[in-house]
Amino acid sequence: MAKGGEKKQPSVPETLLKKRKCVRKLREKQQKSRDGQRKRRADLRKVIYKRAQGYDKQYKQAEKDDTRLHREARKFGNYFVRDEAKVAFVIRIRGINGVSPKVRKVLQLLRLRQIHNGVFVKLNKASLSMLRLVEPYIAWGYPNLKTVRGLIYKRGYGKVNHDRIALTDNAIIEGTLGKTGIVCMEDLVHEILTVGPNFRAANNFLWPFKLSSPRGGFRNITNHFVEGGDCGNREDYLNRLVKQMN
């Protein structure tokens, strides 16, 4: 017993002291990492917000220019012709029965392996030839901003390590397409709509859209759209079909 009746405190083992020191260092490191991630997310949110504002301003300006050119053409008795579409949205509307090997191969290249699958396609000479070859089995046209945005936000899935992952967070997009400058949903929508320099990477990242049957059903899938059917190119009327299937 110590002098004065005080009890002697037991000494703390050296191993326990080392363990406490390691735990304290680990907690400090984790806290520092969390603070860095929080700051990075806050900075990224500001960048995403500014980009979204810029895209919205660009879309509104394009719409105003379109309206102005329409009015000027009407004023002078002329016709206004829009630029040719750069991107198409293609939906498979028929099954596999009676499909020739060549048509089946083209449908596989377009990633249309199931009925009511939909994909975005960049329009050029090669892709137009493929679309004409499989036209009896597809419905396609030119999507507008509302259609592209609605499809990606509502039915958008990404390909991450060959897995189908729902696009519920911008971090999923940034992790796969961050090196191309696409870090959020609005970047993805803008790249698809305007057919930007990274369209191929963005389109390959998107899993083929799985749409529902159209409300009210199809009219006649064996006839062309201009003959009162459903297959073939329906240009801007595609947006109405996508609205029924989305």
Protein backbone atom coordinates (compact mmCIF):
# COMPACT_ATOMS: atom_id res chain seq x y z
CA MET A 1 0.00 0.00 0.00
CA ALA A 2 1.30 3.47 -0.89
CA LYS A 3 2.03 6.17 1.71
CA GLY A 4 -0.95 8.13 3.02
CA GLY A 5 -3.34 5.25 2.36
CA GLU A 6 -3.58 5.92 -1.43
CA LYS A 7 -3.98 2.90 -3.73
CA LYS A 8 -1.37 2.44 -6.43
CA GLN A 9 -2.85 2.69 -9.96
CA PRO A 10 -2.06 -0.31 -12.17
CA SER A 11 0.25 0.51 -15.07
CA VAL A 12 -1.22 0.34 -18.60
CA PRO A 13 0.35 -2.42 -20.71
CA GLU A 14 2.55 -1.24 -23.56
CA THR A 15 0.56 -3.24 -26.12
CA LEU A 16 -2.67 -1.50 -25.11
CA LEU A 17 -1.03 1.91 -25.44
CA LYS A 18 0.19 1.03 -28.94
CA LYS A 19 -3.27 -0.21 -29.90
CA ARG A 20 -4.92 3.01 -28.70
CA LYS A 21 -2.37 5.06 -30.61
CA CYS A 22 -3.01 3.08 -33.82
CA VAL A 23 -6.80 3.39 -33.44
CA ARG A 24 -6.48 7.15 -32.86
CA LYS A 25 -4.32 7.57 -35.98
CA LEU A 26 -6.73 5.46 -38.04
CA ARG A 27 -9.73 7.55 -36.90
CA GLU A 28 -7.91 10.78 -37.73
CA LYS A 29 -7.05 9.43 -41.18
CA GLN A 30 -10.63 8.33 -41.82
CA GLN A 31 -12.00 11.67 -40.66
CA LYS A 32 -9.58 13.53 -42.91
CA SER A 33 -10.61 11.34 -45.85
CA ARG A 34 -14.32 11.95 -45.14
CA ASP A 35 -13.76 15.70 -44.95
CA GLY A 36 -11.90 15.62 -48.28
CA GLN A 37 -14.67 13.62 -49.95
CA ARG A 38 -17.33 15.94 -48.54
CA LYS A 39 -15.50 18.99 -49.88
CA ARG A 40 -14.97 17.33 -53.26
CA ARG A 41 -18.69 16.44 -53.54
CA ALA A 42 -19.67 20.00 -52.64
CA ASP A 43 -17.33 21.41 -55.32
CA LEU A 44 -18.63 18.89 -57.87
CA ARG A 45 -22.24 19.87 -57.13
CA LYS A 46 -21.39 23.48 -57.94
CA VAL A 47 -19.78 22.44 -61.23
CA ILE A 48 -22.80 20.26 -62.14
CA TYR A 49 -25.20 23.10 -61.33
CA LYS A 50 -23.29 25.55 -63.53
CA ARG A 51 -23.15 23.04 -66.39
CA ALA A 52 -26.89 22.37 -66.12
CA GLN A 53 -27.57 26.11 -66.26
CA GLY A 54 -25.37 26.43 -69.36
CA TYR A 55 -27.12 23.53 -71.09
CA ASP A 56 -30.56 24.95 -70.28
CA LYS A 57 -29.55 28.33 -71.67
CA GLN A 58 -28.23 26.66 -74.82
CA TYR A 59 -31.46 24.68 -75.36
CA LYS A 60 -33.64 27.77 -74.88
CA GLN A 61 -31.51 29.81 -77.27
CA ALA A 62 -31.73 27.10 -79.93
CA GLU A 63 -35.52 27.03 -79.55
CA LYS A 64 -35.70 30.82 -79.89
CA ASP A 65 -33.53 30.76 -83.01
CA ASP A 66 -35.73 28.05 -84.50
CA THR A 67 -38.87 30.11 -83.88
CA ARG A 68 -37.26 33.26 -85.25
CA LEU A 69 -36.15 31.56 -88.47
CA HIS A 70 -39.64 30.08 -88.93
CA ARG A 71 -41.20 33.53 -88.63
CA GLU A 72 -38.71 35.17 -90.96
CA ALA A 73 -39.28 32.48 -93.60
CA ARG A 74 -43.07 32.87 -93.34
CA LYS A 75 -42.76 36.65 -93.53
CA PHE A 76 -40.93 36.54 -96.88
CA GLY A 77 -42.99 33.66 -98.28
CA ASN A 78 -40.19 31.10 -97.97
CA TYR A 79 -39.87 27.72 -96.28
CA PHE A 80 -37.68 26.97 -93.29
CA VAL A 81 -35.90 23.60 -93.40
CA ARG A 82 -34.26 22.35 -90.22
CA ASP A 83 -30.83 20.77 -90.14
CA GLU A 84 -30.77 17.03 -90.66
CA ALA A 85 -31.07 15.01 -87.47
CA LYS A 86 -27.83 13.70 -85.98
CA VAL A 87 -29.23 11.01 -83.69
CA ALA A 88 -32.11 8.54 -83.90
CA PHE A 89 -33.87 6.41 -81.31
CA VAL A 90 -34.60 2.89 -82.54
CA ILE A 91 -37.17 0.51 -80.99
CA ARG A 92 -37.56 -3.14 -81.92
CA ILE A 93 -41.24 -3.98 -82.40
CA ARG A 94 -41.17 -7.50 -83.90
CA GLY A 95 -39.86 -10.85 -82.71
CA ILE A 96 -37.50 -13.45 -84.11
CA ASN A 97 -39.83 -15.57 -86.24
CA GLY A 98 -38.87 -15.61 -89.91
CA VAL A 99 -35.87 -13.33 -89.48
CA SER A 100 -33.08 -13.88 -92.00
CA PRO A 101 -29.52 -14.35 -90.68
CA LYS A 102 -28.38 -11.01 -92.12
CA VAL A 103 -31.23 -9.09 -90.48
CA ARG A 104 -30.66 -10.93 -87.21
CA LYS A 105 -26.99 -9.97 -87.28
CA VAL A 106 -27.79 -6.30 -87.88
CA LEU A 107 -30.26 -6.33 -84.97
CA GLN A 108 -27.50 -7.79 -82.78
CA LEU A 109 -25.09 -5.07 -83.91
CA LEU A 110 -27.71 -2.48 -82.98
CA ARG A 111 -28.06 -4.21 -79.57
CA LEU A 112 -31.76 -4.85 -80.21
CA ARG A 113 -31.96 -8.43 -78.95
CA GLN A 114 -35.46 -8.26 -77.42
CA ILE A 115 -38.85 -6.82 -78.35
CA HIS A 116 -39.37 -3.25 -77.09
CA ASN A 117 -35.65 -2.69 -76.61
CA GLY A 118 -34.54 0.81 -77.58
CA VAL A 119 -31.14 2.35 -78.37
CA PHE A 120 -29.72 5.64 -79.60
CA VAL A 121 -27.97 5.52 -82.98
CA LYS A 122 -25.73 8.14 -84.56
CA LEU A 123 -27.00 8.83 -88.06
CA ASN A 124 -24.50 8.46 -90.90
CA LYS A 125 -24.35 6.58 -94.20
CA ALA A 126 -23.48 3.23 -92.59
CA SER A 127 -26.10 3.40 -89.82
CA LEU A 128 -28.83 4.52 -92.26
CA SER A 129 -28.08 1.50 -94.49
CA MET A 130 -28.42 -0.79 -91.45
CA LEU A 131 -31.69 0.83 -90.40
CA ARG A 132 -33.15 0.43 -93.91
CA LEU A 133 -32.18 -3.24 -93.90
CA VAL A 134 -34.04 -3.99 -90.65
CA GLU A 135 -36.84 -1.43 -91.13
CA PRO A 136 -39.70 -4.00 -91.07
CA TYR A 137 -38.67 -4.98 -87.52
CA ILE A 138 -38.10 -1.55 -85.95
CA ALA A 139 -39.72 1.81 -85.36
CA TRP A 140 -37.35 4.76 -85.33
CA GLY A 141 -37.27 8.52 -85.48
CA TYR A 142 -35.70 11.67 -84.15
CA PRO A 143 -35.92 12.20 -80.36
CA ASN A 144 -36.26 15.66 -78.82
CA LEU A 145 -34.81 16.92 -75.54
CA LYS A 146 -37.80 15.83 -73.48
CA THR A 147 -37.65 12.28 -74.86
CA VAL A 148 -33.90 11.86 -74.32
CA ARG A 149 -34.06 13.26 -70.81
CA GLY A 150 -37.13 11.20 -69.88
CA LEU A 151 -35.58 7.95 -71.11
CA ILE A 152 -32.25 8.44 -69.31
CA TYR A 153 -33.75 9.67 -66.05
CA LYS A 154 -36.56 7.10 -65.86
CA ARG A 155 -35.17 3.98 -67.56
CA GLY A 156 -31.44 4.69 -67.68
CA TYR A 157 -29.08 1.86 -66.73
CA GLY A 158 -25.33 1.91 -67.12
CA LYS A 159 -22.82 -0.78 -67.99
CA VAL A 160 -20.34 -1.01 -65.10
CA ASN A 161 -17.93 -3.96 -65.26
CA HIS A 162 -20.40 -5.74 -67.60
CA ASP A 163 -23.18 -5.35 -65.00
CA ARG A 164 -26.50 -3.51 -65.48
CA ILE A 165 -26.52 -0.78 -62.83
CA ALA A 166 -29.35 1.73 -62.33
CA LEU A 167 -28.26 5.37 -62.72
CA THR A 168 -29.25 6.48 -59.21
CA ASP A 169 -26.12 8.54 -58.51
CA ASN A 170 -23.83 10.81 -60.51
CA ALA A 171 -20.88 8.94 -59.00
CA ILE A 172 -21.73 5.92 -61.19
CA ILE A 173 -21.45 8.05 -64.33
CA GLU A 174 -18.32 9.82 -63.13
CA GLY A 175 -16.61 6.54 -62.26
CA THR A 176 -17.01 5.21 -65.81
CA LEU A 177 -17.11 8.33 -68.02
CA GLY A 178 -15.24 10.82 -65.84
CA LYS A 179 -12.15 10.64 -68.04
CA THR A 180 -14.22 11.93 -70.99
CA GLY A 181 -15.57 14.89 -68.99
CA ILE A 182 -19.05 13.39 -68.43
CA VAL A 183 -19.72 13.50 -64.68
CA CYS A 184 -23.50 13.80 -64.29
CA MET A 185 -26.87 12.98 -65.86
CA GLU A 186 -27.17 16.34 -67.63
CA ASP A 187 -23.75 15.81 -69.24
CA LEU A 188 -24.96 12.43 -70.49
CA VAL A 189 -28.21 13.89 -71.86
CA HIS A 190 -26.32 16.71 -73.60
CA GLU A 191 -23.76 14.33 -75.14
CA ILE A 192 -26.48 12.05 -76.55
CA LEU A 193 -28.72 14.87 -77.80
CA THR A 194 -25.99 16.89 -79.52
CA VAL A 195 -23.90 13.86 -80.63
CA GLY A 196 -20.79 15.23 -78.99
CA PRO A 197 -17.21 13.98 -79.44
CA ASN A 198 -17.73 11.33 -76.75
CA PHE A 199 -21.07 10.08 -78.07
CA ARG A 200 -19.76 6.58 -78.68
CA ALA A 201 -18.47 6.15 -75.12
CA ALA A 202 -21.67 7.60 -73.65
CA ASN A 203 -23.93 5.44 -75.84
CA ASN A 204 -21.97 2.26 -75.12
CA PHE A 205 -22.20 3.05 -71.40
CA LEU A 206 -26.00 3.16 -71.61
CA TRP A 207 -27.66 -0.25 -71.44
CA PRO A 208 -30.37 -0.79 -74.09
CA PHE A 209 -33.63 0.69 -72.79
CA LYS A 210 -36.32 -1.83 -71.85
CA LEU A 211 -39.61 -0.15 -72.71
CA SER A 212 -43.18 -1.22 -71.95
CA SER A 213 -45.85 -2.08 -74.49
CA PRO A 214 -47.44 1.14 -75.81
CA ARG A 215 -50.66 2.24 -74.15
CA GLY A 216 -53.45 1.34 -76.53
CA GLY A 217 -51.22 -1.11 -78.41
CA PHE A 218 -49.72 -0.97 -81.89
CA ARG A 219 -51.89 -0.44 -84.97
CA ASN A 220 -50.21 -2.85 -87.39
CA ILE A 221 -46.56 -3.81 -86.92
CA THR A 222 -46.28 -5.38 -90.38
CA ASN A 223 -47.10 -2.17 -92.28
CA HIS A 224 -44.96 0.93 -92.67
CA PHE A 225 -45.82 4.04 -90.68
CA VAL A 226 -46.75 6.00 -93.83
CA GLU A 227 -49.23 3.22 -94.71
CA GLY A 228 -50.98 3.39 -91.36
CA GLY A 229 -48.73 0.85 -89.64
CA ASP A 230 -45.98 1.13 -87.04
CA CYS A 231 -42.63 0.06 -88.50
CA GLY A 232 -40.13 2.30 -90.25
CA ASN A 233 -39.11 5.92 -89.88
CA ARG A 234 -41.68 8.15 -88.19
CA GLU A 235 -39.38 11.18 -87.76
CA ASP A 236 -40.67 13.53 -85.01
CA TYR A 237 -43.75 11.37 -84.37
CA LEU A 238 -41.44 8.94 -82.56
CA ASN A 239 -41.66 11.14 -79.46
CA ARG A 240 -45.36 10.35 -79.18
CA LEU A 241 -44.65 6.61 -79.33
CA VAL A 242 -41.89 6.82 -76.71
CA LYS A 243 -44.25 8.72 -74.41
CA GLN A 244 -46.72 5.82 -74.68
CA MET A 245 -44.00 3.24 -73.96
CA ASN A 246 -41.97 5.04 -71.29
